[in-house]
Amino acid sequence: MSTATESTATETTATEARSQAPAKRQRKLVGKVVSNKMDKTVVVRVERRVKHPLLGKFIVRSGKYKAHDENNQYNEGDIVEISEGRPISRHKAWSVTRLVEAARVI
């Protein structure tokens, strides 16, 4: 026989269940800065290699992401790591987390 106090003790509330659930991992991408003309924003081109379904050759596909750069410290040609976060503006939901490689200055 179970009593009412035992059943309430074993059940967890919705807020407790949320706090125990594992946190969702942030997506992290590495790409090259192609534009830094905006204030506190850089455009990063991320390239990935995919295999063509019929030919079997590897093709380079790319996407451009607008990322938040708080101090305007990244320049064109820098290779940076960006991570996904909450929306900052209409097109910007990524933030630059670290500099992987600085651009070569000639």
PDB file of N, CA and C in Angstrom:
ATOM      1  N   MET A   1       0.834  -1.173   0.000  1.00  0.00           N
ATOM      2  CA  MET A   1       0.000   0.000   0.000  1.00  0.00           C
ATOM      3  C   MET A   1       0.881   1.239   0.000  1.00  0.00           C
ATOM      4  N   SER A   2       0.548   2.180  -0.844  1.00  0.00           N
ATOM      5  CA  SER A   2       1.293   3.433  -0.850  1.00  0.00           C
ATOM      6  C   SER A   2       0.415   4.544  -0.305  1.00  0.00           C
ATOM      7  N   THR A   3       1.037   5.410   0.378  1.00  0.00           N
ATOM      8  CA  THR A   3       0.288   6.527   0.943  1.00  0.00           C
ATOM      9  C   THR A   3       0.479   7.743   0.057  1.00  0.00           C
ATOM     10  N   ALA A   4      -0.285   8.752   0.328  1.00  0.00           N
ATOM     11  CA  ALA A   4      -0.217   9.974  -0.475  1.00  0.00           C
ATOM     12  C   ALA A   4       1.117  10.682  -0.301  1.00  0.00           C
ATOM     13  N   THR A   5       1.709  10.601   0.862  1.00  0.00           N
ATOM     14  CA  THR A   5       2.984  11.281   1.101  1.00  0.00           C
ATOM     15  C   THR A   5       4.117  10.609   0.342  1.00  0.00           C
ATOM     16  N   GLU A   6       4.073   9.285   0.183  1.00  0.00           N
ATOM     17  CA  GLU A   6       5.113   8.585  -0.557  1.00  0.00           C
ATOM     18  C   GLU A   6       5.056   8.922  -2.043  1.00  0.00           C
ATOM     19  N   SER A   7       3.869   9.016  -2.625  1.00  0.00           N
ATOM     20  CA  SER A   7       3.752   9.290  -4.053  1.00  0.00           C
ATOM     21  C   SER A   7       4.193  10.718  -4.380  1.00  0.00           C
ATOM     22  N   THR A   8       3.927  11.671  -3.525  1.00  0.00           N
ATOM     23  CA  THR A   8       4.364  13.041  -3.794  1.00  0.00           C
ATOM     24  C   THR A   8       5.861  13.192  -3.598  1.00  0.00           C
ATOM     25  N   ALA A   9       6.449  12.392  -2.735  1.00  0.00           N
ATOM     26  CA  ALA A   9       7.881  12.481  -2.496  1.00  0.00           C
ATOM     27  C   ALA A   9       8.678  11.954  -3.692  1.00  0.00           C
ATOM     28  N   THR A  10       8.155  10.952  -4.397  1.00  0.00           N
ATOM     29  CA  THR A  10       8.885  10.362  -5.519  1.00  0.00           C
ATOM     30  C   THR A  10       8.700  11.156  -6.811  1.00  0.00           C
ATOM     31  N   GLU A  11       7.609  11.879  -6.925  1.00  0.00           N
ATOM     32  CA  GLU A  11       7.367  12.660  -8.131  1.00  0.00           C
ATOM     33  C   GLU A  11       8.219  13.928  -8.102  1.00  0.00           C
ATOM     34  N   THR A  12       8.691  14.323  -9.275  1.00  0.00           N
ATOM     35  CA  THR A  12       9.439  15.578  -9.366  1.00  0.00           C
ATOM     36  C   THR A  12       8.586  16.605 -10.076  1.00  0.00           C
ATOM     37  N   THR A  13       8.759  17.834  -9.693  1.00  0.00           N
ATOM     38  CA  THR A  13       7.999  18.896 -10.342  1.00  0.00           C
ATOM     39  C   THR A  13       8.617  19.201 -11.704  1.00  0.00           C
ATOM     40  N   ALA A  14       7.939  19.961 -12.504  1.00  0.00           N
ATOM     41  CA  ALA A  14       8.410  20.280 -13.850  1.00  0.00           C
ATOM     42  C   ALA A  14       9.693  21.107 -13.817  1.00  0.00           C
ATOM     43  N   THR A  15       9.811  22.021 -12.856  1.00  0.00           N
ATOM     44  CA  THR A  15      11.025  22.842 -12.782  1.00  0.00           C
ATOM     45  C   THR A  15      12.228  22.021 -12.353  1.00  0.00           C
ATOM     46  N   GLU A  16      12.015  21.050 -11.451  1.00  0.00           N
ATOM     47  CA  GLU A  16      13.116  20.177 -11.045  1.00  0.00           C
ATOM     48  C   GLU A  16      13.566  19.305 -12.200  1.00  0.00           C
ATOM     49  N   ALA A  17      12.623  18.817 -12.999  1.00  0.00           N
ATOM     50  CA  ALA A  17      12.971  17.969 -14.137  1.00  0.00           C
ATOM     51  C   ALA A  17      13.772  18.761 -15.169  1.00  0.00           C
ATOM     52  N   ARG A  18      13.404  20.042 -15.380  1.00  0.00           N
ATOM     53  CA  ARG A  18      14.138  20.867 -16.332  1.00  0.00           C
ATOM     54  C   ARG A  18      15.562  21.133 -15.858  1.00  0.00           C
ATOM     55  N   SER A  19      15.721  21.329 -14.560  1.00  0.00           N
ATOM     56  CA  SER A  19      17.050  21.628 -14.040  1.00  0.00           C
ATOM     57  C   SER A  19      17.953  20.397 -14.088  1.00  0.00           C
ATOM     58  N   GLN A  20      17.385  19.206 -14.063  1.00  0.00           N
ATOM     59  CA  GLN A  20      18.170  17.980 -14.108  1.00  0.00           C
ATOM     60  C   GLN A  20      18.489  17.555 -15.534  1.00  0.00           C
ATOM     61  N   ALA A  21      17.757  18.058 -16.513  1.00  0.00           N
ATOM     62  CA  ALA A  21      17.985  17.675 -17.905  1.00  0.00           C
ATOM     63  C   ALA A  21      19.325  18.231 -18.386  1.00  0.00           C
ATOM     64  N   PRO A  22      20.034  17.480 -19.230  1.00  0.00           N
ATOM     65  CA  PRO A  22      21.321  17.990 -19.721  1.00  0.00           C
ATOM     66  C   PRO A  22      21.129  19.213 -20.605  1.00  0.00           C
ATOM     67  N   ALA A  23      22.054  20.154 -20.500  1.00  0.00           N
ATOM     68  CA  ALA A  23      21.960  21.385 -21.279  1.00  0.00           C
ATOM     69  C   ALA A  23      22.236  21.090 -22.745  1.00  0.00           C
ATOM     70  N   LYS A  24      21.556  21.814 -23.627  1.00  0.00           N
ATOM     71  CA  LYS A  24      21.758  21.634 -25.064  1.00  0.00           C
ATOM     72  C   LYS A  24      23.120  22.208 -25.449  1.00  0.00           C
ATOM     73  N   ARG A  25      23.877  21.467 -26.213  1.00  0.00           N
ATOM     74  CA  ARG A  25      25.201  21.915 -26.613  1.00  0.00           C
ATOM     75  C   ARG A  25      25.100  23.003 -27.667  1.00  0.00           C
ATOM     76  N   GLN A  26      25.996  23.978 -27.578  1.00  0.00           N
ATOM     77  CA  GLN A  26      26.041  25.035 -28.574  1.00  0.00           C
ATOM     78  C   GLN A  26      26.762  24.511 -29.802  1.00  0.00           C
ATOM     79  N   ARG A  27      26.237  24.836 -30.972  1.00  0.00           N
ATOM     80  CA  ARG A  27      26.942  24.489 -32.205  1.00  0.00           C
ATOM     81  C   ARG A  27      28.137  25.410 -32.338  1.00  0.00           C
ATOM     82  N   LYS A  28      29.272  24.856 -32.729  1.00  0.00           N
ATOM     83  CA  LYS A  28      30.479  25.643 -32.945  1.00  0.00           C
ATOM     84  C   LYS A  28      30.968  25.376 -34.351  1.00  0.00           C
ATOM     85  N   LEU A  29      31.291  26.444 -35.075  1.00  0.00           N
ATOM     86  CA  LEU A  29      31.786  26.341 -36.443  1.00  0.00           C
ATOM     87  C   LEU A  29      33.066  27.150 -36.567  1.00  0.00           C
ATOM     88  N   VAL A  30      33.924  26.756 -37.507  1.00  0.00           N
ATOM     89  CA  VAL A  30      35.160  27.479 -37.766  1.00  0.00           C
ATOM     90  C   VAL A  30      35.105  27.970 -39.203  1.00  0.00           C
ATOM     91  N   GLY A  31      35.413  29.259 -39.406  1.00  0.00           N
ATOM     92  CA  GLY A  31      35.367  29.825 -40.744  1.00  0.00           C
ATOM     93  C   GLY A  31      36.252  31.048 -40.861  1.00  0.00           C
ATOM     94  N   LYS A  32      36.233  31.630 -42.049  1.00  0.00           N
ATOM     95  CA  LYS A  32      37.077  32.774 -42.375  1.00  0.00           C
ATOM     96  C   LYS A  32      36.238  34.046 -42.421  1.00  0.00           C
ATOM     97  N   VAL A  33      36.749  35.117 -41.828  1.00  0.00           N
ATOM     98  CA  VAL A  33      36.054  36.402 -41.844  1.00  0.00           C
ATOM     99  C   VAL A  33      36.172  36.987 -43.253  1.00  0.00           C
ATOM    100  N   VAL A  34      35.023  37.250 -43.886  1.00  0.00           N
ATOM    101  CA  VAL A  34      35.040  37.809 -45.242  1.00  0.00           C
ATOM    102  C   VAL A  34      34.653  39.279 -45.252  1.00  0.00           C
ATOM    103  N   SER A  35      34.049  39.783 -44.164  1.00  0.00           N
ATOM    104  CA  SER A  35      33.685  41.190 -44.105  1.00  0.00           C
ATOM    105  C   SER A  35      33.627  41.637 -42.648  1.00  0.00           C
ATOM    106  N   ASN A  36      34.162  42.831 -42.402  1.00  0.00           N
ATOM    107  CA  ASN A  36      34.052  43.419 -41.065  1.00  0.00           C
ATOM    108  C   ASN A  36      33.631  44.882 -41.166  1.00  0.00           C
ATOM    109  N   LYS A  37      32.843  45.205 -42.170  1.00  0.00           N
ATOM    110  CA  LYS A  37      32.459  46.588 -42.428  1.00  0.00           C
ATOM    111  C   LYS A  37      31.347  47.089 -41.509  1.00  0.00           C
ATOM    112  N   MET A  38      30.610  46.182 -40.874  1.00  0.00           N
ATOM    113  CA  MET A  38      29.534  46.589 -39.979  1.00  0.00           C
ATOM    114  C   MET A  38      30.084  46.823 -38.572  1.00  0.00           C
ATOM    115  N   ASP A  39      29.339  47.565 -37.773  1.00  0.00           N
ATOM    116  CA  ASP A  39      29.749  47.828 -36.404  1.00  0.00           C
ATOM    117  C   ASP A  39      29.379  46.637 -35.519  1.00  0.00           C
ATOM    118  N   LYS A  40      30.362  46.075 -34.830  1.00  0.00           N
ATOM    119  CA  LYS A  40      30.198  44.948 -33.914  1.00  0.00           C
ATOM    120  C   LYS A  40      29.690  43.682 -34.595  1.00  0.00           C
ATOM    121  N   THR A  41      29.884  43.551 -35.891  1.00  0.00           N
ATOM    122  CA  THR A  41      29.442  42.375 -36.629  1.00  0.00           C
ATOM    123  C   THR A  41      30.493  41.995 -37.665  1.00  0.00           C
ATOM    124  N   VAL A  42      30.747  40.703 -37.796  1.00  0.00           N
ATOM    125  CA  VAL A  42      31.599  40.194 -38.868  1.00  0.00           C
ATOM    126  C   VAL A  42      30.811  39.142 -39.627  1.00  0.00           C
ATOM    127  N   VAL A  43      31.135  38.989 -40.914  1.00  0.00           N
ATOM    128  CA  VAL A  43      30.527  37.954 -41.727  1.00  0.00           C
ATOM    129  C   VAL A  43      31.567  36.849 -41.874  1.00  0.00           C
ATOM    130  N   VAL A  44      31.180  35.625 -41.498  1.00  0.00           N
ATOM    131  CA  VAL A  44      32.099  34.489 -41.505  1.00  0.00           C
ATOM    132  C   VAL A  44      31.618  33.463 -42.520  1.00  0.00           C
ATOM    133  N   ARG A  45      32.527  33.064 -43.432  1.00  0.00           N
ATOM    134  CA  ARG A  45      32.207  32.026 -44.415  1.00  0.00           C
ATOM    135  C   ARG A  45      32.703  30.696 -43.863  1.00  0.00           C
ATOM    136  N   VAL A  46      31.763  29.743 -43.714  1.00  0.00           N
ATOM    137  CA  VAL A  46      32.080  28.407 -43.207  1.00  0.00           C
ATOM    138  C   VAL A  46      31.961  27.437 -44.370  1.00  0.00           C
ATOM    139  N   GLU A  47      33.043  26.715 -44.648  1.00  0.00           N
ATOM    140  CA  GLU A  47      33.053  25.760 -45.750  1.00  0.00           C
ATOM    141  C   GLU A  47      32.993  24.345 -45.210  1.00  0.00           C
ATOM    142  N   ARG A  48      32.277  23.482 -45.919  1.00  0.00           N
ATOM    143  CA  ARG A  48      32.216  22.075 -45.559  1.00  0.00           C
ATOM    144  C   ARG A  48      32.312  21.249 -46.836  1.00  0.00           C
ATOM    145  N   ARG A  49      32.864  20.051 -46.707  1.00  0.00           N
ATOM    146  CA  ARG A  49      33.033  19.174 -47.856  1.00  0.00           C
ATOM    147  C   ARG A  49      31.967  18.094 -47.806  1.00  0.00           C
ATOM    148  N   VAL A  50      31.206  17.950 -48.911  1.00  0.00           N
ATOM    149  CA  VAL A  50      30.174  16.920 -48.994  1.00  0.00           C
ATOM    150  C   VAL A  50      30.436  16.060 -50.227  1.00  0.00           C
ATOM    151  N   LYS A  51      30.076  14.815 -50.124  1.00  0.00           N
ATOM    152  CA  LYS A  51      30.286  13.887 -51.239  1.00  0.00           C
ATOM    153  C   LYS A  51      29.100  13.961 -52.190  1.00  0.00           C
ATOM    154  N   HIS A  52      29.367  14.114 -53.484  1.00  0.00           N
ATOM    155  CA  HIS A  52      28.319  14.156 -54.494  1.00  0.00           C
ATOM    156  C   HIS A  52      27.664  12.780 -54.560  1.00  0.00           C
ATOM    157  N   PRO A  53      26.327  12.709 -54.548  1.00  0.00           N
ATOM    158  CA  PRO A  53      25.668  11.408 -54.486  1.00  0.00           C
ATOM    159  C   PRO A  53      25.885  10.535 -55.722  1.00  0.00           C
ATOM    160  N   LEU A  54      26.032  11.127 -56.891  1.00  0.00           N
ATOM    161  CA  LEU A  54      26.164  10.338 -58.116  1.00  0.00           C
ATOM    162  C   LEU A  54      27.630  10.174 -58.526  1.00  0.00           C
ATOM    163  N   LEU A  55      28.362  11.251 -58.537  1.00  0.00           N
ATOM    164  CA  LEU A  55      29.739  11.213 -59.006  1.00  0.00           C
ATOM    165  C   LEU A  55      30.728  10.707 -57.960  1.00  0.00           C
ATOM    166  N   GLY A  56      30.404  10.886 -56.689  1.00  0.00           N
ATOM    167  CA  GLY A  56      31.302  10.440 -55.642  1.00  0.00           C
ATOM    168  C   GLY A  56      32.428  11.412 -55.342  1.00  0.00           C
ATOM    169  N   LYS A  57      32.496  12.524 -56.062  1.00  0.00           N
ATOM    170  CA  LYS A  57      33.532  13.528 -55.815  1.00  0.00           C
ATOM    171  C   LYS A  57      33.129  14.380 -54.610  1.00  0.00           C
ATOM    172  N   PHE A  58      34.137  14.939 -53.951  1.00  0.00           N
ATOM    173  CA  PHE A  58      33.866  15.837 -52.839  1.00  0.00           C
ATOM    174  C   PHE A  58      33.720  17.262 -53.364  1.00  0.00           C
ATOM    175  N   ILE A  59      32.643  17.917 -52.931  1.00  0.00           N
ATOM    176  CA  ILE A  59      32.333  19.279 -53.363  1.00  0.00           C
ATOM    177  C   ILE A  59      32.390  20.178 -52.140  1.00  0.00           C
ATOM    178  N   VAL A  60      32.887  21.393 -52.313  1.00  0.00           N
ATOM    179  CA  VAL A  60      32.946  22.347 -51.212  1.00  0.00           C
ATOM    180  C   VAL A  60      31.668  23.177 -51.223  1.00  0.00           C
ATOM    181  N   ARG A  61      30.933  23.098 -50.139  1.00  0.00           N
ATOM    182  CA  ARG A  61      29.738  23.911 -49.935  1.00  0.00           C
ATOM    183  C   ARG A  61      30.059  24.934 -48.857  1.00  0.00           C
ATOM    184  N   SER A  62      29.469  26.111 -48.968  1.00  0.00           N
ATOM    185  CA  SER A  62      29.764  27.129 -47.966  1.00  0.00           C
ATOM    186  C   SER A  62      28.503  27.877 -47.576  1.00  0.00           C
ATOM    187  N   GLY A  63      28.560  28.458 -46.391  1.00  0.00           N
ATOM    188  CA  GLY A  63      27.473  29.282 -45.896  1.00  0.00           C
ATOM    189  C   GLY A  63      28.069  30.489 -45.203  1.00  0.00           C
ATOM    190  N   LYS A  64      27.350  31.599 -45.227  1.00  0.00           N
ATOM    191  CA  LYS A  64      27.834  32.811 -44.572  1.00  0.00           C
ATOM    192  C   LYS A  64      26.972  33.101 -43.348  1.00  0.00           C
ATOM    193  N   TYR A  65      27.634  33.379 -42.239  1.00  0.00           N
ATOM    194  CA  TYR A  65      26.956  33.655 -40.980  1.00  0.00           C
ATOM    195  C   TYR A  65      27.405  35.017 -40.468  1.00  0.00           C
ATOM    196  N   LYS A  66      26.454  35.804 -39.972  1.00  0.00           N
ATOM    197  CA  LYS A  66      26.795  37.064 -39.313  1.00  0.00           C
ATOM    198  C   LYS A  66      27.017  36.751 -37.838  1.00  0.00           C
ATOM    199  N   ALA A  67      28.171  37.188 -37.322  1.00  0.00           N
ATOM    200  CA  ALA A  67      28.527  36.881 -35.939  1.00  0.00           C
ATOM    201  C   ALA A  67      28.828  38.166 -35.180  1.00  0.00           C
ATOM    202  N   HIS A  68      28.527  38.155 -33.905  1.00  0.00           N
ATOM    203  CA  HIS A  68      28.726  39.318 -33.040  1.00  0.00           C
ATOM    204  C   HIS A  68      30.194  39.429 -32.641  1.00  0.00           C
ATOM    205  N   ASP A  69      30.764  40.610 -32.859  1.00  0.00           N
ATOM    206  CA  ASP A  69      32.158  40.911 -32.506  1.00  0.00           C
ATOM    207  C   ASP A  69      32.124  42.178 -31.663  1.00  0.00           C
ATOM    208  N   GLU A  70      32.074  42.020 -30.350  1.00  0.00           N
ATOM    209  CA  GLU A  70      31.841  43.139 -29.433  1.00  0.00           C
ATOM    210  C   GLU A  70      32.859  44.263 -29.571  1.00  0.00           C
ATOM    211  N   ASN A  71      34.142  43.939 -29.732  1.00  0.00           N
ATOM    212  CA  ASN A  71      35.188  44.962 -29.736  1.00  0.00           C
ATOM    213  C   ASN A  71      35.712  45.308 -31.119  1.00  0.00           C
ATOM    214  N   ASN A  72      35.090  44.827 -32.159  1.00  0.00           N
ATOM    215  CA  ASN A  72      35.547  45.063 -33.534  1.00  0.00           C
ATOM    216  C   ASN A  72      37.023  44.700 -33.699  1.00  0.00           C
ATOM    217  N   GLN A  73      37.425  43.554 -33.156  1.00  0.00           N
ATOM    218  CA  GLN A  73      38.837  43.192 -33.149  1.00  0.00           C
ATOM    219  C   GLN A  73      39.237  42.222 -34.254  1.00  0.00           C
ATOM    220  N   TYR A  74      38.298  41.657 -34.989  1.00  0.00           N
ATOM    221  CA  TYR A  74      38.628  40.681 -36.031  1.00  0.00           C
ATOM    222  C   TYR A  74      38.619  41.351 -37.400  1.00  0.00           C
ATOM    223  N   ASN A  75      39.588  40.970 -38.240  1.00  0.00           N
ATOM    224  CA  ASN A  75      39.748  41.568 -39.556  1.00  0.00           C
ATOM    225  C   ASN A  75      39.488  40.543 -40.647  1.00  0.00           C
ATOM    226  N   GLU A  76      39.361  41.026 -41.870  1.00  0.00           N
ATOM    227  CA  GLU A  76      39.159  40.132 -43.006  1.00  0.00           C
ATOM    228  C   GLU A  76      40.344  39.192 -43.139  1.00  0.00           C
ATOM    229  N   GLY A  77      40.048  37.922 -43.401  1.00  0.00           N
ATOM    230  CA  GLY A  77      41.091  36.924 -43.551  1.00  0.00           C
ATOM    231  C   GLY A  77      41.375  36.134 -42.289  1.00  0.00           C
ATOM    232  N   ASP A  78      40.933  36.622 -41.120  1.00  0.00           N
ATOM    233  CA  ASP A  78      41.135  35.883 -39.876  1.00  0.00           C
ATOM    234  C   ASP A  78      40.288  34.619 -39.890  1.00  0.00           C
ATOM    235  N   ILE A  79      40.817  33.555 -39.317  1.00  0.00           N
ATOM    236  CA  ILE A  79      40.042  32.330 -39.140  1.00  0.00           C
ATOM    237  C   ILE A  79      39.576  32.311 -37.688  1.00  0.00           C
ATOM    238  N   VAL A  80      38.253  32.237 -37.501  1.00  0.00           N
ATOM    239  CA  VAL A  80      37.666  32.355 -36.165  1.00  0.00           C
ATOM    240  C   VAL A  80      36.713  31.196 -35.896  1.00  0.00           C
ATOM    241  N   GLU A  81      36.436  30.990 -34.610  1.00  0.00           N
ATOM    242  CA  GLU A  81      35.436  30.027 -34.193  1.00  0.00           C
ATOM    243  C   GLU A  81      34.214  30.802 -33.739  1.00  0.00           C
ATOM    244  N   ILE A  82      33.031  30.391 -34.216  1.00  0.00           N
ATOM    245  CA  ILE A  82      31.791  31.048 -33.824  1.00  0.00           C
ATOM    246  C   ILE A  82      30.899  30.024 -33.127  1.00  0.00           C
ATOM    247  N   SER A  83      30.071  30.503 -32.207  1.00  0.00           N
ATOM    248  CA  SER A  83      29.152  29.614 -31.511  1.00  0.00           C
ATOM    249  C   SER A  83      27.744  30.192 -31.575  1.00  0.00           C
ATOM    250  N   GLU A  84      26.783  29.296 -31.618  1.00  0.00           N
ATOM    251  CA  GLU A  84      25.385  29.677 -31.738  1.00  0.00           C
ATOM    252  C   GLU A  84      24.856  30.127 -30.383  1.00  0.00           C
ATOM    253  N   GLY A  85      23.973  31.104 -30.414  1.00  0.00           N
ATOM    254  CA  GLY A  85      23.371  31.597 -29.180  1.00  0.00           C
ATOM    255  C   GLY A  85      21.990  32.151 -29.459  1.00  0.00           C
ATOM    256  N   ARG A  86      21.522  32.959 -28.539  1.00  0.00           N
ATOM    257  CA  ARG A  86      20.197  33.552 -28.720  1.00  0.00           C
ATOM    258  C   ARG A  86      20.275  34.635 -29.802  1.00  0.00           C
ATOM    259  N   PRO A  87      19.173  34.976 -30.442  1.00  0.00           N
ATOM    260  CA  PRO A  87      19.202  36.018 -31.459  1.00  0.00           C
ATOM    261  C   PRO A  87      19.599  37.373 -30.876  1.00  0.00           C
ATOM    262  N   ILE A  88      20.564  38.023 -31.531  1.00  0.00           N
ATOM    263  CA  ILE A  88      21.020  39.343 -31.117  1.00  0.00           C
ATOM    264  C   ILE A  88      20.323  40.407 -31.954  1.00  0.00           C
ATOM    265  N   SER A  89      20.110  40.111 -33.229  1.00  0.00           N
ATOM    266  CA  SER A  89      19.366  41.001 -34.112  1.00  0.00           C
ATOM    267  C   SER A  89      18.640  40.127 -35.131  1.00  0.00           C
ATOM    268  N   ARG A  90      18.115  40.746 -36.165  1.00  0.00           N
ATOM    269  CA  ARG A  90      17.308  40.006 -37.136  1.00  0.00           C
ATOM    270  C   ARG A  90      18.076  38.871 -37.802  1.00  0.00           C
ATOM    271  N   HIS A  91      19.318  39.102 -38.199  1.00  0.00           N
ATOM    272  CA  HIS A  91      20.104  38.101 -38.918  1.00  0.00           C
ATOM    273  C   HIS A  91      21.260  37.546 -38.096  1.00  0.00           C
ATOM    274  N   LYS A  92      21.429  37.994 -36.872  1.00  0.00           N
ATOM    275  CA  LYS A  92      22.628  37.663 -36.110  1.00  0.00           C
ATOM    276  C   LYS A  92      22.281  36.862 -34.859  1.00  0.00           C
ATOM    277  N   ALA A  93      22.683  35.574 -34.850  1.00  0.00           N
ATOM    278  CA  ALA A  93      22.474  34.723 -33.684  1.00  0.00           C
ATOM    279  C   ALA A  93      23.736  33.943 -33.354  1.00  0.00           C
ATOM    280  N   TRP A  94      24.879  34.374 -33.856  1.00  0.00           N
ATOM    281  CA  TRP A  94      26.162  33.734 -33.616  1.00  0.00           C
ATOM    282  C   TRP A  94      27.096  34.746 -32.966  1.00  0.00           C
ATOM    283  N   SER A  95      28.061  34.260 -32.195  1.00  0.00           N
ATOM    284  CA  SER A  95      29.058  35.115 -31.567  1.00  0.00           C
ATOM    285  C   SER A  95      30.435  34.532 -31.822  1.00  0.00           C
ATOM    286  N   VAL A  96      31.423  35.400 -32.027  1.00  0.00           N
ATOM    287  CA  VAL A  96      32.789  34.939 -32.203  1.00  0.00           C
ATOM    288  C   VAL A  96      33.324  34.561 -30.827  1.00  0.00           C
ATOM    289  N   THR A  97      33.815  33.317 -30.685  1.00  0.00           N
ATOM    290  CA  THR A  97      34.316  32.856 -29.393  1.00  0.00           C
ATOM    291  C   THR A  97      35.829  32.974 -29.290  1.00  0.00           C
ATOM    292  N   ARG A  98      36.551  32.707 -30.377  1.00  0.00           N
ATOM    293  CA  ARG A  98      38.008  32.803 -30.293  1.00  0.00           C
ATOM    294  C   ARG A  98      38.619  32.947 -31.675  1.00  0.00           C
ATOM    295  N   LEU A  99      39.848  33.452 -31.685  1.00  0.00           N
ATOM    296  CA  LEU A  99      40.638  33.603 -32.903  1.00  0.00           C
ATOM    297  C   LEU A  99      41.452  32.324 -33.068  1.00  0.00           C
ATOM    298  N   VAL A 100      41.275  31.634 -34.198  1.00  0.00           N
ATOM    299  CA  VAL A 100      42.030  30.413 -34.465  1.00  0.00           C
ATOM    300  C   VAL A 100      43.361  30.761 -35.108  1.00  0.00           C
ATOM    301  N   GLU A 101      43.294  31.641 -36.132  1.00  0.00           N
ATOM    302  CA  GLU A 101      44.507  32.044 -36.850  1.00  0.00           C
ATOM    303  C   GLU A 101      44.317  33.450 -37.382  1.00  0.00           C
ATOM    304  N   ALA A 102      45.303  34.311 -37.150  1.00  0.00           N
ATOM    305  CA  ALA A 102      45.228  35.684 -37.641  1.00  0.00           C
ATOM    306  C   ALA A 102      45.581  35.722 -39.125  1.00  0.00           C
ATOM    307  N   ALA A 103      45.055  36.726 -39.825  1.00  0.00           N
ATOM    308  CA  ALA A 103      45.344  36.879 -41.257  1.00  0.00           C
ATOM    309  C   ALA A 103      46.794  37.289 -41.436  1.00  0.00           C
ATOM    310  N   ARG A 104      47.372  36.843 -42.525  1.00  0.00           N
ATOM    311  CA  ARG A 104      48.760  37.226 -42.836  1.00  0.00           C
ATOM    312  C   ARG A 104      48.773  38.638 -43.388  1.00  0.00           C
ATOM    313  N   VAL A 105      49.679  39.441 -42.864  1.00  0.00           N
ATOM    314  CA  VAL A 105      49.833  40.809 -43.336  1.00  0.00           C
ATOM    315  C   VAL A 105      51.040  40.862 -44.242  1.00  0.00           C
ATOM    316  N   ILE A 106      50.846  41.361 -45.452  1.00  0.00           N
ATOM    317  CA  ILE A 106      51.944  41.410 -46.419  1.00  0.00           C
ATOM    318  C   ILE A 106      52.592  42.772 -46.420  1.00  0.00           C
TER     319      ILE A 106
END
